[in-house]
Protein backbone atom coordinates (compact mmCIF):
# COMPACT_ATOMS: atom_id res chain seq x y z
CA MET A 1 278.98 138.90 42.61
CA PHE A 2 276.64 136.57 43.23
CA ASP A 3 277.38 132.46 42.35
CA PHE A 4 275.50 131.10 41.37
CA GLU A 5 277.02 127.33 40.43
CA LYS A 6 278.77 127.60 43.73
CA ARG A 7 275.55 127.99 45.56
CA ILE A 8 273.17 125.23 43.32
CA ALA A 9 276.89 122.71 43.97
CA SER A 10 276.49 123.65 47.65
CA VAL A 11 272.49 123.47 47.75
CA VAL A 12 273.39 120.10 45.96
CA ASP A 13 275.30 118.58 48.79
CA ALA A 14 273.19 119.38 51.72
CA ILE A 15 270.49 117.73 50.17
CA LEU A 16 272.27 114.30 49.29
CA GLU A 17 273.30 114.54 52.98
CA ASP A 18 269.68 114.72 53.72
CA HIS A 19 269.18 111.93 52.42
CA GLN A 20 271.46 109.58 54.15
CA GLY A 21 268.82 110.02 57.31
CA GLY A 22 267.77 106.42 57.22
CA ARG A 23 264.02 107.73 57.06
CA ASP A 24 261.53 106.24 55.27
CA ILE A 25 262.05 109.19 52.41
CA ASP A 26 265.29 108.63 52.37
CA GLN A 27 265.10 105.66 49.79
CA VAL A 28 266.90 105.80 46.81
CA ASP A 29 266.56 102.43 45.19
CA ILE A 30 263.49 103.69 42.87
CA TYR A 31 263.30 99.14 41.57
CA ARG A 32 262.49 98.31 44.97
CA HIS A 33 259.04 99.77 44.65
CA PRO A 34 256.37 99.01 41.83
CA ASP A 35 255.83 101.58 39.00
CA LYS A 36 252.99 104.10 39.16
CA ASP A 37 252.79 104.88 35.11
CA VAL A 38 253.28 101.23 34.74
CA ILE A 39 250.08 100.73 36.98
CA VAL A 40 247.78 103.83 34.89
CA GLU A 41 249.00 101.75 32.20
CA LEU A 42 247.36 98.58 33.13
CA ILE A 43 244.55 100.25 33.94
CA GLY A 44 244.23 100.86 30.36
CA LYS A 45 244.51 97.85 29.25
CA LEU A 46 242.82 96.19 32.02
CA ARG A 47 239.90 98.64 30.39
CA ARG A 48 240.02 97.38 26.67
CA ILE A 49 239.60 93.61 28.19
CA ILE A 50 236.57 94.86 29.89
CA PHE A 51 234.94 96.81 26.80
CA PRO A 52 236.55 94.79 23.96
CA GLY A 53 235.02 96.75 21.47
CA TYR A 54 235.53 100.44 22.87
CA PHE A 55 239.21 100.91 23.23
CA ARG A 56 241.98 99.65 20.91
CA ASP A 57 245.63 99.34 20.80
CA LYS A 58 246.60 102.83 18.72
CA ASN A 59 249.46 101.08 17.04
CA TYR A 60 247.10 99.14 15.11
CA ARG A 61 244.90 100.11 12.38
CA SER A 62 243.29 97.17 11.83
CA TYR A 63 243.32 94.12 13.58
CA ASN A 64 242.46 89.98 14.45
CA VAL A 65 240.30 91.31 18.13
CA LYS A 66 240.91 87.52 19.52
CA HIS A 67 244.69 87.58 18.56
CA SER A 68 245.07 90.81 19.86
CA LEU A 69 243.06 90.33 22.93
CA SER A 70 245.51 87.09 23.96
CA MET A 71 248.87 89.15 23.69
CA LEU A 72 246.73 91.84 25.50
CA ILE A 73 245.90 89.31 28.56
CA GLU A 74 249.34 88.04 27.94
CA ASP A 75 251.21 91.78 28.31
CA VAL A 76 249.03 92.49 31.22
CA ALA A 77 249.65 89.27 33.08
CA PHE A 78 253.22 90.16 32.45
CA ASN A 79 253.35 93.18 33.86
CA LEU A 80 250.84 92.89 36.48
CA THR A 81 253.00 89.55 37.92
CA GLU A 82 256.09 92.29 38.06
CA GLN A 83 254.39 94.53 40.16
CA MET A 84 252.98 92.29 42.26
CA VAL A 85 256.86 90.64 43.01
CA LEU A 86 257.72 94.36 43.99
CA VAL A 87 254.44 95.10 46.95
CA LEU A 88 255.34 91.38 47.95
CA GLN A 89 259.02 91.10 48.50
CA GLY A 90 258.25 95.05 49.99
CA THR A 91 256.43 92.77 52.61
CA GLY A 92 259.55 90.42 53.74
CA MET A 93 258.64 87.47 51.06
CA GLU A 94 262.00 85.84 49.30
CA PRO A 95 262.57 86.73 46.19
CA GLU A 96 261.80 83.75 44.97
CA ALA A 97 258.85 82.82 47.20
CA ALA A 98 257.61 85.83 45.93
CA GLN A 99 257.48 85.53 42.13
CA GLU A 100 255.71 82.55 42.92
CA LYS A 101 253.39 83.88 44.67
CA ALA A 102 252.79 86.56 42.59
CA GLN A 103 252.13 84.14 39.33
CA GLU A 104 249.52 82.28 41.72
CA LEU A 105 247.44 85.04 42.60
CA CYS A 106 247.66 87.14 38.67
CA VAL A 107 245.86 83.25 37.58
CA ALA A 108 243.72 83.74 40.51
CA PHE A 109 242.98 87.61 39.33
CA PHE A 110 242.36 86.78 35.85
CA GLN A 111 240.10 83.73 36.57
CA LYS A 112 237.72 86.70 38.22
CA ILE A 113 237.46 88.81 34.72
CA PRO A 114 234.46 87.09 33.44
CA GLN A 115 232.44 88.33 36.88
CA VAL A 116 234.08 91.92 36.61
CA ARG A 117 232.34 91.84 33.67
CA ALA A 118 229.43 91.24 34.91
CA MET A 119 229.11 93.05 37.00
CA VAL A 120 230.26 96.31 35.51
CA ASP A 121 227.71 94.92 32.89
CA THR A 122 225.22 95.75 35.51
CA ASP A 123 226.77 99.15 36.33
CA LEU A 124 226.65 100.18 32.72
CA GLN A 125 222.46 99.24 32.59
CA ALA A 126 222.01 101.02 35.63
CA ALA A 127 223.94 104.28 34.33
CA TYR A 128 221.80 103.98 31.28
CA ASP A 129 218.64 103.75 32.96
CA GLY A 130 219.29 106.01 35.80
CA ASP A 131 220.67 108.96 33.60
CA PRO A 132 217.59 110.15 30.95
CA ALA A 133 220.36 112.34 29.82
CA ALA A 134 221.89 109.39 28.60
CA THR A 135 221.45 108.41 24.87
CA GLY A 136 222.82 105.29 24.73
CA LYS A 137 225.22 103.03 26.74
CA ASP A 138 228.35 103.73 24.33
CA GLU A 139 227.81 107.78 25.37
CA VAL A 140 228.09 106.09 29.38
CA ILE A 141 231.27 103.78 28.75
CA PHE A 142 233.08 106.57 26.91
CA SER A 143 232.22 109.39 28.43
CA TYR A 144 230.88 108.97 31.99
CA PRO A 145 233.46 109.60 34.74
CA GLY A 146 231.13 107.04 37.68
CA LEU A 147 231.33 103.81 35.41
CA PHE A 148 235.14 104.29 34.68
CA ALA A 149 235.45 104.40 38.58
CA ILE A 150 233.28 101.70 39.52
CA THR A 151 235.86 99.83 36.55
CA VAL A 152 238.58 100.73 37.95
CA TYR A 153 236.76 99.57 41.84
CA ARG A 154 235.72 96.60 40.77
CA LEU A 155 239.15 95.35 39.56
CA ALA A 156 240.93 96.90 42.39
CA HIS A 157 238.58 95.04 44.92
CA VAL A 158 239.37 91.26 43.18
CA LEU A 159 243.25 92.27 43.87
CA TYR A 160 242.12 93.62 47.39
CA GLU A 161 240.31 90.18 48.26
CA LEU A 162 242.92 88.31 46.93
CA GLY A 163 245.59 89.95 49.43
CA VAL A 164 247.98 92.15 47.37
CA PRO A 165 249.40 94.67 48.71
CA MET A 166 249.52 98.17 47.44
CA LEU A 167 248.39 97.97 44.33
CA PRO A 168 244.60 97.57 44.54
CA ARG A 169 244.83 101.42 46.42
CA MET A 170 247.14 102.99 43.74
CA MET A 171 244.43 101.90 41.06
CA THR A 172 241.52 103.40 42.61
CA GLU A 173 243.47 106.91 43.84
CA HIS A 174 244.58 107.22 39.37
CA ALA A 175 240.41 106.27 39.50
CA HIS A 176 240.25 109.02 42.14
CA SER A 177 242.67 111.67 40.43
CA VAL A 178 240.96 111.47 37.60
CA THR A 179 237.19 111.98 38.41
CA GLY A 180 237.30 113.55 42.23
CA ILE A 181 235.46 110.04 42.81
CA ASP A 182 237.45 107.92 45.74
CA ILE A 183 236.06 104.20 46.63
CA HIS A 184 238.18 101.98 47.96
CA PRO A 185 239.34 98.43 47.01
CA GLY A 186 238.62 97.45 50.49
CA ALA A 187 234.54 98.51 49.86
CA THR A 188 231.73 95.74 49.01
CA VAL A 189 229.60 97.07 46.17
CA GLY A 190 226.61 95.08 44.59
CA LYS A 191 225.32 95.05 41.29
CA PHE A 192 223.69 98.37 39.66
CA PHE A 193 225.68 100.75 41.42
CA PHE A 194 225.21 104.06 39.62
CA ILE A 195 227.62 107.21 40.23
CA ASP A 196 225.83 110.22 38.43
CA HIS A 197 228.06 113.53 37.50
CA GLY A 198 230.43 111.89 40.76
CA THR A 199 232.43 114.43 41.94
CA GLY A 200 233.75 114.44 45.63
CA ILE A 201 232.09 111.21 46.31
CA VAL A 202 233.90 109.29 49.67
CA VAL A 203 233.01 105.25 49.89
CA GLY A 204 235.73 104.03 52.93
CA GLU A 205 236.97 101.20 53.09
CA THR A 206 234.18 98.84 55.32
CA THR A 207 231.30 100.84 53.19
CA VAL A 208 229.06 98.31 52.36
CA ILE A 209 226.09 98.56 49.35
CA GLY A 210 223.55 96.76 48.42
CA GLU A 211 221.76 96.65 44.79
CA ASN A 212 220.71 99.01 42.49
CA VAL A 213 221.84 101.79 44.75
CA LYS A 214 222.22 105.56 43.00
CA ILE A 215 224.28 107.98 44.49
CA TYR A 216 225.06 111.69 43.33
CA GLN A 217 227.91 114.09 44.06
CA GLY A 218 229.74 115.58 46.91
CA VAL A 219 228.07 112.06 49.04
CA THR A 220 230.34 110.67 51.56
CA LEU A 221 230.60 107.03 52.92
CA GLY A 222 232.93 108.06 55.98
CA ALA A 223 233.73 107.41 59.73
CA LEU A 224 232.98 108.80 62.28
CA SER A 225 236.34 109.41 63.50
CA THR A 226 239.57 108.21 62.66
CA ARG A 227 241.19 110.04 65.45
CA GLY A 228 242.75 106.58 66.43
CA GLY A 229 244.54 106.28 63.65
CA GLN A 230 245.93 102.88 63.03
CA SER A 231 244.60 101.28 65.93
CA LEU A 232 241.56 101.49 64.22
CA ARG A 233 242.72 99.15 61.34
CA GLY A 234 240.33 96.38 60.45
CA VAL A 235 237.83 97.84 62.85
CA ARG A 236 233.91 98.32 61.18
CA ARG A 237 234.13 102.08 60.66
CA HIS A 238 231.87 103.27 57.68
CA PRO A 239 228.02 102.52 56.92
CA THR A 240 226.02 99.85 55.05
CA ILE A 241 224.08 101.04 52.75
CA GLU A 242 220.98 98.55 51.76
CA ASP A 243 219.30 97.42 48.15
CA ASN A 244 217.44 100.60 46.51
CA VAL A 245 218.77 103.27 48.07
CA THR A 246 219.44 106.77 46.62
CA ILE A 247 221.69 109.22 48.38
CA TYR A 248 221.21 112.95 46.85
CA ALA A 249 223.92 115.53 46.25
CA GLY A 250 225.59 116.35 49.61
CA ALA A 251 224.88 113.84 51.88
CA SER A 252 227.14 112.27 54.82
CA ILE A 253 226.76 109.18 56.35
CA LEU A 254 229.25 108.13 58.82
CA GLY A 255 229.88 105.77 61.06
CA GLY A 256 230.41 101.85 61.10
CA GLU A 257 227.00 100.95 63.38
CA THR A 258 224.90 103.18 60.66
CA VAL A 259 222.17 101.00 58.16
CA ILE A 260 220.38 103.07 55.71
CA GLY A 261 217.71 100.60 55.29
CA ARG A 262 216.48 99.09 51.86
CA GLY A 263 214.40 101.81 49.15
CA CYS A 264 215.47 104.95 51.79
CA VAL A 265 215.67 108.37 50.31
CA ILE A 266 218.40 110.63 51.53
CA GLY A 267 218.10 114.24 50.83
CA SER A 268 220.63 116.47 49.37
CA ASN A 269 223.04 117.72 52.36
CA ALA A 270 221.62 115.13 55.01
CA PHE A 271 223.93 114.70 57.65
CA ILE A 272 223.63 110.76 58.79
CA THR A 273 225.12 109.42 62.32
CA ARG A 274 222.53 106.60 63.37
CA SER A 275 220.57 103.62 61.66
CA ILE A 276 217.41 104.48 59.19
CA ALA A 277 214.91 102.48 58.79
CA PRO A 278 213.85 100.98 55.76
CA GLY A 279 211.77 103.06 53.58
CA THR A 280 212.59 105.98 55.06
CA THR A 281 212.60 109.71 53.41
CA VAL A 282 215.29 111.94 54.67
CA SER A 283 214.88 115.51 53.89
CA ILE A 284 215.85 118.74 55.83
CA LYS A 285 213.21 120.99 56.77
CA HIS A 286 213.04 124.63 56.59
CA GLN A 287 216.51 125.73 55.32
CA GLU A 288 216.36 129.20 55.36
CA LEU A 289 217.43 131.49 51.98
CA GLN A 290 217.89 135.26 52.31
CA PHE A 291 217.42 137.58 49.35
CA LYS A 292 219.36 140.65 48.97
CA THR A 293 219.52 143.66 46.99
CA ARG A 294 222.18 144.32 45.14
CA ALA A 295 221.34 147.92 44.60
CA ASN A 296 223.63 149.80 46.93
CA PRO A 297 226.65 146.87 47.08
CA GLU A 298 227.74 148.72 50.42
CA GLN A 299 224.49 148.50 52.05
CA LEU A 300 223.37 145.60 51.21
CA THR A 301 219.39 144.68 53.35
CA VAL A 302 217.85 141.66 53.51
CA ILE A 303 214.57 141.85 51.72
CA SER A 304 213.17 138.62 52.14
CA LYS A 305 212.89 134.90 53.41
CA ASP A 306 211.82 132.17 52.59
CA PRO A 307 208.67 131.03 54.72
CA GLU A 308 208.95 128.40 56.86
């Protein structure tokens, strides 16, 4: 007879013993690391600060906006500081020093919020102006994944610039998981940035994007190679996209030396590893399509090809 309880007890003992290996994955003190759930909650609260008239605390039916925002900012400041303390201590900083540093960083972060809101306002305008399907800016704010990902990126970028460890990446990776848009918090992105549709977009850490840039789904702004691993830390690996560039779906632009000049248009599925002069349109020529009859599924026959 199979003794289920005895076997499970044996498995439990084996797993607990495996936790004694001293590896990074064996850490059991959950209170020494930031809390992902708290970070996700903070993103929602920060979004309410960015768009005060669009998202509210569901615990309140009606309330004084000024008073509620004051409480909200204090709440975010307290919880953000706590998370900063944890990541700073993770770098070896003593608790008292980490607490003081976290408070300084938190104040510096909130001082940048008006600038973040100004940038997000341009992104909102770019989305509305750039998408004929948009019926209004309210629709963009509530439903466009691109604006959500950009907003989270802009907040995380401030923390990244302030030198806060880990938290910026946790924020943008949450946006990535929700939208399919992966913008590293270290990237530099100018005003009026518009992501249309968005799914599958990758913007690498050292990417520089100018103003009035529009990119579509499936675009990669990446590195030529990451085989060097940690030896490439701090090295410029990703491209520069100058002002007024449009990059269509599925294009890949790779390499730290690659510069896409002002006013360029990069066509769908282009694969680019060298710089492109300003004002250039890049497209793929003679992409061949094949058409096959389905009269006999077992003997599909090419009946025509696109002319070259």
